[in-house]
Amino acid sequence: MRLIESASRPRSAVNPENFVLSGTFQRLLGPDDEMPVRLYRVRFDPGGRTNWHRHDDFQLLLGLSGTCSVVDRMGHKLALGVGDLVMIGPDEEHWHGAAPNTHGEHLAINLGATTTWLESSA
């Protein structure tokens, strides 16, 4: 059994190479933790979002606060509210971020190890 205290994991600004507008990013489980899963807490400012990207395995997004939008290449758009869960398949190109005019925060649970970043979603 092992405790990872949130306070021990710093929050930082999102990487502007992979995100549109501002937000914060907190790595709760990463490659250095020697676990087969990655956990990231991401808070988007209103209108903030990721660029298009895909993962090598499933990604789960759990809504923590506000409302997030999740959009795939087919144009399907889902609203992610508090406690809601979105499942994204391996290699499914998508972006996610705050819904317009509100902040959004989610926990990203990546079952794979690789994220491939694509073009801007702006």
PDB file of N, CA and C in Angstrom:
ATOM      1  N   MET A   1       0.849  -1.166   0.000  1.00  0.00           N
ATOM      2  CA  MET A   1       0.000   0.000   0.000  1.00  0.00           C
ATOM      3  C   MET A   1       0.897   1.232   0.000  1.00  0.00           C
ATOM      4  N   ARG A   2       0.458   2.255  -0.690  1.00  0.00           N
ATOM      5  CA  ARG A   2       1.273   3.471  -0.825  1.00  0.00           C
ATOM      6  C   ARG A   2       0.372   4.684  -0.960  1.00  0.00           C
ATOM      7  N   LEU A   3       0.688   5.732  -0.232  1.00  0.00           N
ATOM      8  CA  LEU A   3      -0.051   6.991  -0.313  1.00  0.00           C
ATOM      9  C   LEU A   3       0.746   7.981  -1.139  1.00  0.00           C
ATOM     10  N   ILE A   4       0.092   8.592  -2.107  1.00  0.00           N
ATOM     11  CA  ILE A   4       0.675   9.707  -2.846  1.00  0.00           C
ATOM     12  C   ILE A   4      -0.163  10.924  -2.490  1.00  0.00           C
ATOM     13  N   GLU A   5       0.416  11.795  -1.697  1.00  0.00           N
ATOM     14  CA  GLU A   5      -0.310  12.992  -1.274  1.00  0.00           C
ATOM     15  C   GLU A   5      -0.323  14.015  -2.396  1.00  0.00           C
ATOM     16  N   SER A   6      -1.494  14.543  -2.665  1.00  0.00           N
ATOM     17  CA  SER A   6      -1.646  15.536  -3.721  1.00  0.00           C
ATOM     18  C   SER A   6      -0.691  16.705  -3.524  1.00  0.00           C
ATOM     19  N   ALA A   7      -0.510  17.121  -2.270  1.00  0.00           N
ATOM     20  CA  ALA A   7       0.369  18.259  -1.985  1.00  0.00           C
ATOM     21  C   ALA A   7       1.826  17.982  -2.354  1.00  0.00           C
ATOM     22  N   SER A   8       2.185  16.707  -2.472  1.00  0.00           N
ATOM     23  CA  SER A   8       3.562  16.366  -2.828  1.00  0.00           C
ATOM     24  C   SER A   8       3.804  16.418  -4.338  1.00  0.00           C
ATOM     25  N   ARG A   9       2.749  16.575  -5.105  1.00  0.00           N
ATOM     26  CA  ARG A   9       2.841  16.637  -6.562  1.00  0.00           C
ATOM     27  C   ARG A   9       2.528  18.059  -7.014  1.00  0.00           C
ATOM     28  N   PRO A  10       3.525  18.771  -7.510  1.00  0.00           N
ATOM     29  CA  PRO A  10       3.302  20.180  -7.861  1.00  0.00           C
ATOM     30  C   PRO A  10       2.338  20.354  -9.024  1.00  0.00           C
ATOM     31  N   ARG A  11       1.655  21.479  -8.998  1.00  0.00           N
ATOM     32  CA  ARG A  11       0.834  21.898 -10.139  1.00  0.00           C
ATOM     33  C   ARG A  11       1.676  22.865 -10.954  1.00  0.00           C
ATOM     34  N   SER A  12       1.502  22.814 -12.240  1.00  0.00           N
ATOM     35  CA  SER A  12       2.226  23.737 -13.106  1.00  0.00           C
ATOM     36  C   SER A  12       1.281  24.225 -14.198  1.00  0.00           C
ATOM     37  N   ALA A  13       1.696  25.251 -14.887  1.00  0.00           N
ATOM     38  CA  ALA A  13       0.915  25.736 -16.022  1.00  0.00           C
ATOM     39  C   ALA A  13       0.947  24.675 -17.117  1.00  0.00           C
ATOM     40  N   VAL A  14      -0.136  24.569 -17.868  1.00  0.00           N
ATOM     41  CA  VAL A  14      -0.159  23.624 -18.976  1.00  0.00           C
ATOM     42  C   VAL A  14       0.866  24.040 -20.027  1.00  0.00           C
ATOM     43  N   ASN A  15       1.330  23.080 -20.790  1.00  0.00           N
ATOM     44  CA  ASN A  15       2.329  23.327 -21.827  1.00  0.00           C
ATOM     45  C   ASN A  15       1.664  24.010 -23.030  1.00  0.00           C
ATOM     46  N   PRO A  16       2.063  25.237 -23.364  1.00  0.00           N
ATOM     47  CA  PRO A  16       1.417  25.946 -24.473  1.00  0.00           C
ATOM     48  C   PRO A  16       1.638  25.288 -25.834  1.00  0.00           C
ATOM     49  N   GLU A  17       2.576  24.335 -25.925  1.00  0.00           N
ATOM     50  CA  GLU A  17       2.763  23.608 -27.182  1.00  0.00           C
ATOM     51  C   GLU A  17       1.646  22.591 -27.403  1.00  0.00           C
ATOM     52  N   ASN A  18       0.964  22.174 -26.318  1.00  0.00           N
ATOM     53  CA  ASN A  18      -0.062  21.136 -26.412  1.00  0.00           C
ATOM     54  C   ASN A  18      -1.448  21.596 -25.985  1.00  0.00           C
ATOM     55  N   PHE A  19      -1.561  22.839 -25.499  1.00  0.00           N
ATOM     56  CA  PHE A  19      -2.836  23.345 -24.998  1.00  0.00           C
ATOM     57  C   PHE A  19      -3.139  24.710 -25.607  1.00  0.00           C
ATOM     58  N   VAL A  20      -4.432  24.996 -25.755  1.00  0.00           N
ATOM     59  CA  VAL A  20      -4.918  26.299 -26.195  1.00  0.00           C
ATOM     60  C   VAL A  20      -5.416  27.023 -24.961  1.00  0.00           C
ATOM     61  N   LEU A  21      -4.953  28.222 -24.733  1.00  0.00           N
ATOM     62  CA  LEU A  21      -5.260  29.049 -23.573  1.00  0.00           C
ATOM     63  C   LEU A  21      -4.638  28.438 -22.319  1.00  0.00           C
ATOM     64  N   SER A  22      -5.039  28.929 -21.160  1.00  0.00           N
ATOM     65  CA  SER A  22      -4.322  28.570 -19.935  1.00  0.00           C
ATOM     66  C   SER A  22      -5.074  27.554 -19.086  1.00  0.00           C
ATOM     67  N   GLY A  23      -4.320  26.974 -18.162  1.00  0.00           N
ATOM     68  CA  GLY A  23      -4.850  26.000 -17.232  1.00  0.00           C
ATOM     69  C   GLY A  23      -3.710  25.479 -16.375  1.00  0.00           C
ATOM     70  N   THR A  24      -4.026  24.521 -15.511  1.00  0.00           N
ATOM     71  CA  THR A  24      -2.990  23.915 -14.674  1.00  0.00           C
ATOM     72  C   THR A  24      -3.007  22.408 -14.841  1.00  0.00           C
ATOM     73  N   PHE A  25      -1.860  21.816 -14.533  1.00  0.00           N
ATOM     74  CA  PHE A  25      -1.625  20.402 -14.768  1.00  0.00           C
ATOM     75  C   PHE A  25      -0.924  19.834 -13.547  1.00  0.00           C
ATOM     76  N   GLN A  26      -1.427  18.716 -13.036  1.00  0.00           N
ATOM     77  CA  GLN A  26      -0.791  18.059 -11.897  1.00  0.00           C
ATOM     78  C   GLN A  26      -0.639  16.572 -12.217  1.00  0.00           C
ATOM     79  N   ARG A  27       0.604  16.112 -12.254  1.00  0.00           N
ATOM     80  CA  ARG A  27       0.881  14.693 -12.508  1.00  0.00           C
ATOM     81  C   ARG A  27       0.764  13.948 -11.180  1.00  0.00           C
ATOM     82  N   LEU A  28      -0.224  13.069 -11.065  1.00  0.00           N
ATOM     83  CA  LEU A  28      -0.404  12.286  -9.840  1.00  0.00           C
ATOM     84  C   LEU A  28       0.287  10.930  -9.945  1.00  0.00           C
ATOM     85  N   LEU A  29       0.272  10.333 -11.132  1.00  0.00           N
ATOM     86  CA  LEU A  29       1.020   9.102 -11.424  1.00  0.00           C
ATOM     87  C   LEU A  29       1.637   9.265 -12.799  1.00  0.00           C
ATOM     88  N   GLY A  30       2.937   9.174 -12.863  1.00  0.00           N
ATOM     89  CA  GLY A  30       3.625   9.316 -14.132  1.00  0.00           C
ATOM     90  C   GLY A  30       4.593   8.191 -14.354  1.00  0.00           C
ATOM     91  N   PRO A  31       5.397   8.305 -15.395  1.00  0.00           N
ATOM     92  CA  PRO A  31       6.355   7.243 -15.730  1.00  0.00           C
ATOM     93  C   PRO A  31       7.308   6.899 -14.581  1.00  0.00           C
ATOM     94  N   ASP A  32       7.657   7.858 -13.764  1.00  0.00           N
ATOM     95  CA  ASP A  32       8.595   7.612 -12.670  1.00  0.00           C
ATOM     96  C   ASP A  32       7.991   6.791 -11.526  1.00  0.00           C
ATOM     97  N   ASP A  33       6.681   6.623 -11.532  1.00  0.00           N
ATOM     98  CA  ASP A  33       6.014   5.893 -10.451  1.00  0.00           C
ATOM     99  C   ASP A  33       5.945   4.390 -10.688  1.00  0.00           C
ATOM    100  N   GLU A  34       6.445   3.938 -11.817  1.00  0.00           N
ATOM    101  CA  GLU A  34       6.511   2.512 -12.136  1.00  0.00           C
ATOM    102  C   GLU A  34       5.153   1.814 -12.021  1.00  0.00           C
ATOM    103  N   MET A  35       4.131   2.482 -12.532  1.00  0.00           N
ATOM    104  CA  MET A  35       2.783   1.927 -12.555  1.00  0.00           C
ATOM    105  C   MET A  35       2.329   1.814 -14.009  1.00  0.00           C
ATOM    106  N   PRO A  36       1.429   0.898 -14.324  1.00  0.00           N
ATOM    107  CA  PRO A  36       0.964   0.736 -15.709  1.00  0.00           C
ATOM    108  C   PRO A  36      -0.129   1.729 -16.104  1.00  0.00           C
ATOM    109  N   VAL A  37      -0.332   2.767 -15.318  1.00  0.00           N
ATOM    110  CA  VAL A  37      -1.366   3.763 -15.573  1.00  0.00           C
ATOM    111  C   VAL A  37      -0.792   5.140 -15.270  1.00  0.00           C
ATOM    112  N   ARG A  38      -1.307   6.158 -15.963  1.00  0.00           N
ATOM    113  CA  ARG A  38      -0.903   7.544 -15.723  1.00  0.00           C
ATOM    114  C   ARG A  38      -2.145   8.311 -15.269  1.00  0.00           C
ATOM    115  N   LEU A  39      -1.992   9.155 -14.244  1.00  0.00           N
ATOM    116  CA  LEU A  39      -3.093   9.982 -13.742  1.00  0.00           C
ATOM    117  C   LEU A  39      -2.669  11.437 -13.751  1.00  0.00           C
ATOM    118  N   TYR A  40      -3.526  12.269 -14.340  1.00  0.00           N
ATOM    119  CA  TYR A  40      -3.248  13.692 -14.433  1.00  0.00           C
ATOM    120  C   TYR A  40      -4.503  14.472 -14.047  1.00  0.00           C
ATOM    121  N   ARG A  41      -4.332  15.438 -13.176  1.00  0.00           N
ATOM    122  CA  ARG A  41      -5.431  16.349 -12.825  1.00  0.00           C
ATOM    123  C   ARG A  41      -5.208  17.619 -13.630  1.00  0.00           C
ATOM    124  N   VAL A  42      -6.192  17.970 -14.452  1.00  0.00           N
ATOM    125  CA  VAL A  42      -6.049  19.120 -15.347  1.00  0.00           C
ATOM    126  C   VAL A  42      -7.217  20.068 -15.115  1.00  0.00           C
ATOM    127  N   ARG A  43      -6.872  21.338 -14.900  1.00  0.00           N
ATOM    128  CA  ARG A  43      -7.896  22.379 -14.750  1.00  0.00           C
ATOM    129  C   ARG A  43      -7.746  23.354 -15.899  1.00  0.00           C
ATOM    130  N   PHE A  44      -8.822  23.554 -16.636  1.00  0.00           N
ATOM    131  CA  PHE A  44      -8.835  24.447 -17.784  1.00  0.00           C
ATOM    132  C   PHE A  44      -9.535  25.748 -17.419  1.00  0.00           C
ATOM    133  N   ASP A  45      -8.944  26.860 -17.791  1.00  0.00           N
ATOM    134  CA  ASP A  45      -9.636  28.135 -17.678  1.00  0.00           C
ATOM    135  C   ASP A  45     -10.715  28.179 -18.763  1.00  0.00           C
ATOM    136  N   PRO A  46     -11.699  29.079 -18.645  1.00  0.00           N
ATOM    137  CA  PRO A  46     -12.784  29.112 -19.633  1.00  0.00           C
ATOM    138  C   PRO A  46     -12.251  29.127 -21.070  1.00  0.00           C
ATOM    139  N   GLY A  47     -12.754  28.203 -21.873  1.00  0.00           N
ATOM    140  CA  GLY A  47     -12.341  28.093 -23.266  1.00  0.00           C
ATOM    141  C   GLY A  47     -11.028  27.357 -23.481  1.00  0.00           C
ATOM    142  N   GLY A  48     -10.303  27.048 -22.415  1.00  0.00           N
ATOM    143  CA  GLY A  48      -9.032  26.345 -22.539  1.00  0.00           C
ATOM    144  C   GLY A  48      -9.255  24.897 -22.937  1.00  0.00           C
ATOM    145  N   ARG A  49      -8.309  24.342 -23.682  1.00  0.00           N
ATOM    146  CA  ARG A  49      -8.452  22.956 -24.129  1.00  0.00           C
ATOM    147  C   ARG A  49      -7.108  22.426 -24.614  1.00  0.00           C
ATOM    148  N   THR A  50      -7.075  21.131 -24.837  1.00  0.00           N
ATOM    149  CA  THR A  50      -5.883  20.503 -25.399  1.00  0.00           C
ATOM    150  C   THR A  50      -5.871  20.693 -26.912  1.00  0.00           C
ATOM    151  N   ASN A  51      -4.732  20.456 -27.516  1.00  0.00           N
ATOM    152  CA  ASN A  51      -4.674  20.283 -28.964  1.00  0.00           C
ATOM    153  C   ASN A  51      -5.225  18.895 -29.284  1.00  0.00           C
ATOM    154  N   TRP A  52      -5.443  18.641 -30.562  1.00  0.00           N
ATOM    155  CA  TRP A  52      -5.808  17.302 -30.994  1.00  0.00           C
ATOM    156  C   TRP A  52      -4.707  16.343 -30.571  1.00  0.00           C
ATOM    157  N   HIS A  53      -5.085  15.159 -30.153  1.00  0.00           N
ATOM    158  CA  HIS A  53      -4.107  14.149 -29.758  1.00  0.00           C
ATOM    159  C   HIS A  53      -4.763  12.781 -29.733  1.00  0.00           C
ATOM    160  N   ARG A  54      -3.924  11.759 -29.534  1.00  0.00           N
ATOM    161  CA  ARG A  54      -4.416  10.390 -29.387  1.00  0.00           C
ATOM    162  C   ARG A  54      -3.497   9.664 -28.408  1.00  0.00           C
ATOM    163  N   HIS A  55      -3.995   8.555 -27.878  1.00  0.00           N
ATOM    164  CA  HIS A  55      -3.259   7.748 -26.902  1.00  0.00           C
ATOM    165  C   HIS A  55      -3.114   6.325 -27.438  1.00  0.00           C
ATOM    166  N   ASP A  56      -2.104   5.613 -26.973  1.00  0.00           N
ATOM    167  CA  ASP A  56      -1.860   4.252 -27.444  1.00  0.00           C
ATOM    168  C   ASP A  56      -2.747   3.214 -26.763  1.00  0.00           C
ATOM    169  N   ASP A  57      -3.518   3.622 -25.775  1.00  0.00           N
ATOM    170  CA  ASP A  57      -4.454   2.728 -25.090  1.00  0.00           C
ATOM    171  C   ASP A  57      -5.641   3.585 -24.641  1.00  0.00           C
ATOM    172  N   PHE A  58      -6.538   3.029 -23.888  1.00  0.00           N
ATOM    173  CA  PHE A  58      -7.714   3.779 -23.444  1.00  0.00           C
ATOM    174  C   PHE A  58      -7.336   4.960 -22.565  1.00  0.00           C
ATOM    175  N   GLN A  59      -8.135   6.026 -22.665  1.00  0.00           N
ATOM    176  CA  GLN A  59      -8.065   7.154 -21.745  1.00  0.00           C
ATOM    177  C   GLN A  59      -9.460   7.318 -21.152  1.00  0.00           C
ATOM    178  N   LEU A  60      -9.498   7.505 -19.841  1.00  0.00           N
ATOM    179  CA  LEU A  60     -10.742   7.786 -19.136  1.00  0.00           C
ATOM    180  C   LEU A  60     -10.646   9.195 -18.581  1.00  0.00           C
ATOM    181  N   LEU A  61     -11.707   9.975 -18.727  1.00  0.00           N
ATOM    182  CA  LEU A  61     -11.771  11.323 -18.166  1.00  0.00           C
ATOM    183  C   LEU A  61     -12.899  11.361 -17.158  1.00  0.00           C
ATOM    184  N   LEU A  62     -12.565  11.718 -15.920  1.00  0.00           N
ATOM    185  CA  LEU A  62     -13.544  11.822 -14.838  1.00  0.00           C
ATOM    186  C   LEU A  62     -13.715  13.288 -14.488  1.00  0.00           C
ATOM    187  N   GLY A  63     -14.932  13.800 -14.620  1.00  0.00           N
ATOM    188  CA  GLY A  63     -15.210  15.200 -14.317  1.00  0.00           C
ATOM    189  C   GLY A  63     -15.089  15.484 -12.829  1.00  0.00           C
ATOM    190  N   LEU A  64     -14.318  16.528 -12.484  1.00  0.00           N
ATOM    191  CA  LEU A  64     -14.108  16.902 -11.084  1.00  0.00           C
ATOM    192  C   LEU A  64     -14.829  18.190 -10.701  1.00  0.00           C
ATOM    193  N   SER A  65     -14.839  19.173 -11.595  1.00  0.00           N
ATOM    194  CA  SER A  65     -15.546  20.427 -11.315  1.00  0.00           C
ATOM    195  C   SER A  65     -15.844  21.143 -12.623  1.00  0.00           C
ATOM    196  N   GLY A  66     -16.804  22.047 -12.579  1.00  0.00           N
ATOM    197  CA  GLY A  66     -17.187  22.760 -13.786  1.00  0.00           C
ATOM    198  C   GLY A  66     -17.726  21.815 -14.838  1.00  0.00           C
ATOM    199  N   THR A  67     -17.563  22.201 -16.101  1.00  0.00           N
ATOM    200  CA  THR A  67     -17.996  21.373 -17.225  1.00  0.00           C
ATOM    201  C   THR A  67     -16.898  21.340 -18.265  1.00  0.00           C
ATOM    202  N   CYS A  68     -16.578  20.143 -18.730  1.00  0.00           N
ATOM    203  CA  CYS A  68     -15.594  19.971 -19.793  1.00  0.00           C
ATOM    204  C   CYS A  68     -16.301  19.510 -21.060  1.00  0.00           C
ATOM    205  N   SER A  69     -15.684  19.820 -22.197  1.00  0.00           N
ATOM    206  CA  SER A  69     -16.136  19.308 -23.487  1.00  0.00           C
ATOM    207  C   SER A  69     -15.109  18.313 -23.986  1.00  0.00           C
ATOM    208  N   VAL A  70     -15.587  17.250 -24.619  1.00  0.00           N
ATOM    209  CA  VAL A  70     -14.724  16.250 -25.232  1.00  0.00           C
ATOM    210  C   VAL A  70     -15.223  16.073 -26.661  1.00  0.00           C
ATOM    211  N   VAL A  71     -14.320  16.249 -27.647  1.00  0.00           N
ATOM    212  CA  VAL A  71     -14.709  16.246 -29.051  1.00  0.00           C
ATOM    213  C   VAL A  71     -13.813  15.285 -29.823  1.00  0.00           C
ATOM    214  N   ASP A  72     -14.423  14.467 -30.701  1.00  0.00           N
ATOM    215  CA  ASP A  72     -13.627  13.572 -31.542  1.00  0.00           C
ATOM    216  C   ASP A  72     -13.591  14.096 -32.979  1.00  0.00           C
ATOM    217  N   ARG A  73     -12.815  13.463 -33.841  1.00  0.00           N
ATOM    218  CA  ARG A  73     -12.645  13.891 -35.237  1.00  0.00           C
ATOM    219  C   ARG A  73     -13.930  13.824 -36.044  1.00  0.00           C
ATOM    220  N   MET A  74     -14.868  13.008 -35.626  1.00  0.00           N
ATOM    221  CA  MET A  74     -16.145  12.900 -36.333  1.00  0.00           C
ATOM    222  C   MET A  74     -17.061  14.077 -35.978  1.00  0.00           C
ATOM    223  N   GLY A  75     -16.647  14.902 -35.017  1.00  0.00           N
ATOM    224  CA  GLY A  75     -17.450  16.038 -34.599  1.00  0.00           C
ATOM    225  C   GLY A  75     -18.389  15.733 -33.450  1.00  0.00           C
ATOM    226  N   HIS A  76     -18.335  14.510 -32.912  1.00  0.00           N
ATOM    227  CA  HIS A  76     -19.156  14.185 -31.744  1.00  0.00           C
ATOM    228  C   HIS A  76     -18.632  14.971 -30.555  1.00  0.00           C
ATOM    229  N   LYS A  77     -19.542  15.573 -29.818  1.00  0.00           N
ATOM    230  CA  LYS A  77     -19.168  16.402 -28.664  1.00  0.00           C
ATOM    231  C   LYS A  77     -19.925  15.920 -27.438  1.00  0.00           C
ATOM    232  N   LEU A  78     -19.184  15.656 -26.367  1.00  0.00           N
ATOM    233  CA  LEU A  78     -19.786  15.237 -25.112  1.00  0.00           C
ATOM    234  C   LEU A  78     -19.528  16.283 -24.041  1.00  0.00           C
ATOM    235  N   ALA A  79     -20.496  16.508 -23.172  1.00  0.00           N
ATOM    236  CA  ALA A  79     -20.329  17.390 -22.012  1.00  0.00           C
ATOM    237  C   ALA A  79     -19.983  16.517 -20.818  1.00  0.00           C
ATOM    238  N   LEU A  80     -18.870  16.810 -20.184  1.00  0.00           N
ATOM    239  CA  LEU A  80     -18.390  16.053 -19.025  1.00  0.00           C
ATOM    240  C   LEU A  80     -18.657  16.872 -17.769  1.00  0.00           C
ATOM    241  N   GLY A  81     -19.615  16.435 -16.977  1.00  0.00           N
ATOM    242  CA  GLY A  81     -19.947  17.112 -15.731  1.00  0.00           C
ATOM    243  C   GLY A  81     -19.285  16.446 -14.540  1.00  0.00           C
ATOM    244  N   VAL A  82     -19.501  17.004 -13.377  1.00  0.00           N
ATOM    245  CA  VAL A  82     -18.920  16.464 -12.146  1.00  0.00           C
ATOM    246  C   VAL A  82     -19.399  15.026 -11.935  1.00  0.00           C
ATOM    247  N   GLY A  83     -18.452  14.113 -11.766  1.00  0.00           N
ATOM    248  CA  GLY A  83     -18.764  12.712 -11.547  1.00  0.00           C
ATOM    249  C   GLY A  83     -19.001  11.902 -12.803  1.00  0.00           C
ATOM    250  N   ASP A  84     -19.094  12.571 -13.968  1.00  0.00           N
ATOM    251  CA  ASP A  84     -19.285  11.858 -15.235  1.00  0.00           C
ATOM    252  C   ASP A  84     -17.960  11.272 -15.709  1.00  0.00           C
ATOM    253  N   LEU A  85     -18.044  10.237 -16.535  1.00  0.00           N
ATOM    254  CA  LEU A  85     -16.864   9.558 -17.055  1.00  0.00           C
ATOM    255  C   LEU A  85     -16.990   9.420 -18.569  1.00  0.00           C
ATOM    256  N   VAL A  86     -15.941   9.815 -19.276  1.00  0.00           N
ATOM    257  CA  VAL A  86     -15.870   9.610 -20.723  1.00  0.00           C
ATOM    258  C   VAL A  86     -14.767   8.602 -20.992  1.00  0.00           C
ATOM    259  N   MET A  87     -15.054   7.627 -21.857  1.00  0.00           N
ATOM    260  CA  MET A  87     -14.065   6.623 -22.252  1.00  0.00           C
ATOM    261  C   MET A  87     -13.662   6.898 -23.698  1.00  0.00           C
ATOM    262  N   ILE A  88     -12.363   7.007 -23.928  1.00  0.00           N
ATOM    263  CA  ILE A  88     -11.831   7.298 -25.259  1.00  0.00           C
ATOM    264  C   ILE A  88     -10.967   6.112 -25.676  1.00  0.00           C
ATOM    265  N   GLY A  89     -11.244   5.571 -26.857  1.00  0.00           N
ATOM    266  CA  GLY A  89     -10.551   4.382 -27.317  1.00  0.00           C
ATOM    267  C   GLY A  89      -9.124   4.645 -27.774  1.00  0.00           C
ATOM    268  N   PRO A  90      -8.322   3.591 -27.843  1.00  0.00           N
ATOM    269  CA  PRO A  90      -6.954   3.713 -28.328  1.00  0.00           C
ATOM    270  C   PRO A  90      -6.919   4.327 -29.735  1.00  0.00           C
ATOM    271  N   ASP A  91      -5.997   5.246 -29.939  1.00  0.00           N
ATOM    272  CA  ASP A  91      -5.767   5.907 -31.238  1.00  0.00           C
ATOM    273  C   ASP A  91      -6.938   6.767 -31.715  1.00  0.00           C
ATOM    274  N   GLU A  92      -7.920   7.016 -30.864  1.00  0.00           N
ATOM    275  CA  GLU A  92      -9.042   7.884 -31.230  1.00  0.00           C
ATOM    276  C   GLU A  92      -8.597   9.343 -31.073  1.00  0.00           C
ATOM    277  N   GLU A  93      -8.553  10.070 -32.187  1.00  0.00           N
ATOM    278  CA  GLU A  93      -8.121  11.469 -32.139  1.00  0.00           C
ATOM    279  C   GLU A  93      -9.215  12.320 -31.513  1.00  0.00           C
ATOM    280  N   HIS A  94      -8.815  13.168 -30.580  1.00  0.00           N
ATOM    281  CA  HIS A  94      -9.783  13.961 -29.811  1.00  0.00           C
ATOM    282  C   HIS A  94      -9.094  15.160 -29.172  1.00  0.00           C
ATOM    283  N   TRP A  95      -9.907  16.033 -28.610  1.00  0.00           N
ATOM    284  CA  TRP A  95      -9.420  17.080 -27.716  1.00  0.00           C
ATOM    285  C   TRP A  95     -10.415  17.206 -26.576  1.00  0.00           C
ATOM    286  N   HIS A  96      -9.974  17.807 -25.469  1.00  0.00           N
ATOM    287  CA  HIS A  96     -10.870  18.055 -24.342  1.00  0.00           C
ATOM    288  C   HIS A  96     -10.432  19.314 -23.630  1.00  0.00           C
ATOM    289  N   GLY A  97     -11.404  19.953 -22.998  1.00  0.00           N
ATOM    290  CA  GLY A  97     -11.128  21.192 -22.285  1.00  0.00           C
ATOM    291  C   GLY A  97     -12.394  21.731 -21.656  1.00  0.00           C
ATOM    292  N   ALA A  98     -12.308  22.974 -21.191  1.00  0.00           N
ATOM    293  CA  ALA A  98     -13.456  23.601 -20.538  1.00  0.00           C
ATOM    294  C   ALA A  98     -14.534  23.945 -21.559  1.00  0.00           C
ATOM    295  N   ALA A  99     -15.766  23.811 -21.133  1.00  0.00           N
ATOM    296  CA  ALA A  99     -16.877  24.271 -21.962  1.00  0.00           C
ATOM    297  C   ALA A  99     -16.788  25.802 -22.058  1.00  0.00           C
ATOM    298  N   PRO A 100     -17.378  26.383 -23.093  1.00  0.00           N
ATOM    299  CA  PRO A 100     -17.318  27.844 -23.227  1.00  0.00           C
ATOM    300  C   PRO A 100     -17.862  28.553 -21.978  1.00  0.00           C
ATOM    301  N   ASN A 101     -17.216  29.622 -21.602  1.00  0.00           N
ATOM    302  CA  ASN A 101     -17.646  30.509 -20.508  1.00  0.00           C
ATOM    303  C   ASN A 101     -17.618  29.881 -19.120  1.00  0.00           C
ATOM    304  N   THR A 102     -16.900  28.788 -18.943  1.00  0.00           N
ATOM    305  CA  THR A 102     -16.783  28.185 -17.614  1.00  0.00           C
ATOM    306  C   THR A 102     -15.448  27.459 -17.510  1.00  0.00           C
ATOM    307  N   HIS A 103     -15.006  27.257 -16.300  1.00  0.00           N
ATOM    308  CA  HIS A 103     -13.812  26.425 -16.122  1.00  0.00           C
ATOM    309  C   HIS A 103     -14.245  24.958 -16.149  1.00  0.00           C
ATOM    310  N   GLY A 104     -13.288  24.097 -16.296  1.00  0.00           N
ATOM    311  CA  GLY A 104     -13.545  22.666 -16.249  1.00  0.00           C
ATOM    312  C   GLY A 104     -12.323  21.967 -15.686  1.00  0.00           C
ATOM    313  N   GLU A 105     -12.552  20.951 -14.893  1.00  0.00           N
ATOM    314  CA  GLU A 105     -11.446  20.191 -14.321  1.00  0.00           C
ATOM    315  C   GLU A 105     -11.768  18.708 -14.411  1.00  0.00           C
ATOM    316  N   HIS A 106     -10.779  17.927 -14.817  1.00  0.00           N
ATOM    317  CA  HIS A 106     -10.985  16.484 -14.886  1.00  0.00           C
ATOM    318  C   HIS A 106      -9.741  15.744 -14.432  1.00  0.00           C
ATOM    319  N   LEU A 107      -9.946  14.483 -14.136  1.00  0.00           N
ATOM    320  CA  LEU A 107      -8.862  13.558 -13.873  1.00  0.00           C
ATOM    321  C   LEU A 107      -8.718  12.720 -15.137  1.00  0.00           C
ATOM    322  N   ALA A 108      -7.536  12.769 -15.755  1.00  0.00           N
ATOM    323  CA  ALA A 108      -7.258  11.959 -16.939  1.00  0.00           C
ATOM    324  C   ALA A 108      -6.537  10.696 -16.486  1.00  0.00           C
ATOM    325  N   ILE A 109      -7.092   9.561 -16.851  1.00  0.00           N
ATOM    326  CA  ILE A 109      -6.537   8.261 -16.495  1.00  0.00           C
ATOM    327  C   ILE A 109      -6.119   7.598 -17.805  1.00  0.00           C
ATOM    328  N   ASN A 110      -4.818   7.517 -18.032  1.00  0.00           N
ATOM    329  CA  ASN A 110      -4.288   6.960 -19.269  1.00  0.00           C
ATOM    330  C   ASN A 110      -3.771   5.555 -19.000  1.00  0.00           C
ATOM    331  N   LEU A 111      -4.357   4.570 -19.673  1.00  0.00           N
ATOM    332  CA  LEU A 111      -3.930   3.188 -19.478  1.00  0.00           C
ATOM    333  C   LEU A 111      -2.659   2.874 -20.255  1.00  0.00           C
ATOM    334  N   GLY A 112      -2.367   3.646 -21.259  1.00  0.00           N
ATOM    335  CA  GLY A 112      -1.148   3.471 -22.034  1.00  0.00           C
ATOM    336  C   GLY A 112      -0.059   4.419 -21.566  1.00  0.00           C
ATOM    337  N   ALA A 113       1.037   4.387 -22.295  1.00  0.00           N
ATOM    338  CA  ALA A 113       2.196   5.201 -21.912  1.00  0.00           C
ATOM    339  C   ALA A 113       2.440   6.369 -22.846  1.00  0.00           C
ATOM    340  N   THR A 114       1.827   6.353 -24.037  1.00  0.00           N
ATOM    341  CA  THR A 114       2.198   7.332 -25.053  1.00  0.00           C
ATOM    342  C   THR A 114       1.018   8.194 -25.471  1.00  0.00           C
ATOM    343  N   THR A 115       1.240   9.505 -25.487  1.00  0.00           N
ATOM    344  CA  THR A 115       0.309  10.469 -26.065  1.00  0.00           C
ATOM    345  C   THR A 115       0.994  11.063 -27.294  1.00  0.00           C
ATOM    346  N   THR A 116       0.295  11.044 -28.415  1.00  0.00           N
ATOM    347  CA  THR A 116       0.803  11.654 -29.639  1.00  0.00           C
ATOM    348  C   THR A 116       0.057  12.957 -29.855  1.00  0.00           C
ATOM    349  N   TRP A 117       0.786  14.066 -29.783  1.00  0.00           N
ATOM    350  CA  TRP A 117       0.184  15.385 -29.941  1.00  0.00           C
ATOM    351  C   TRP A 117       0.115  15.739 -31.423  1.00  0.00           C
ATOM    352  N   LEU A 118      -1.012  16.313 -31.817  1.00  0.00           N
ATOM    353  CA  LEU A 118      -1.272  16.672 -33.200  1.00  0.00           C
ATOM    354  C   LEU A 118      -1.448  18.189 -33.303  1.00  0.00           C
ATOM    355  N   GLU A 119      -2.173  18.651 -34.288  1.00  0.00           N
ATOM    356  CA  GLU A 119      -2.305  20.093 -34.504  1.00  0.00           C
ATOM    357  C   GLU A 119      -3.220  20.752 -33.471  1.00  0.00           C
ATOM    358  N   SER A 120      -3.212  22.066 -33.482  1.00  0.00           N
ATOM    359  CA  SER A 120      -4.014  22.849 -32.556  1.00  0.00           C
ATOM    360  C   SER A 120      -5.502  22.608 -32.800  1.00  0.00           C
ATOM    361  N   SER A 121      -6.278  22.687 -31.730  1.00  0.00           N
ATOM    362  CA  SER A 121      -7.735  22.556 -31.829  1.00  0.00           C
ATOM    363  C   SER A 121      -8.409  23.921 -31.912  1.00  0.00           C
ATOM    364  N   ALA A 122      -7.608  24.992 -32.019  1.00  0.00           N
ATOM    365  CA  ALA A 122      -8.168  26.354 -32.059  1.00  0.00           C
ATOM    366  C   ALA A 122      -8.891  26.614 -33.352  1.00  0.00           C
TER     367      ALA A 122
END
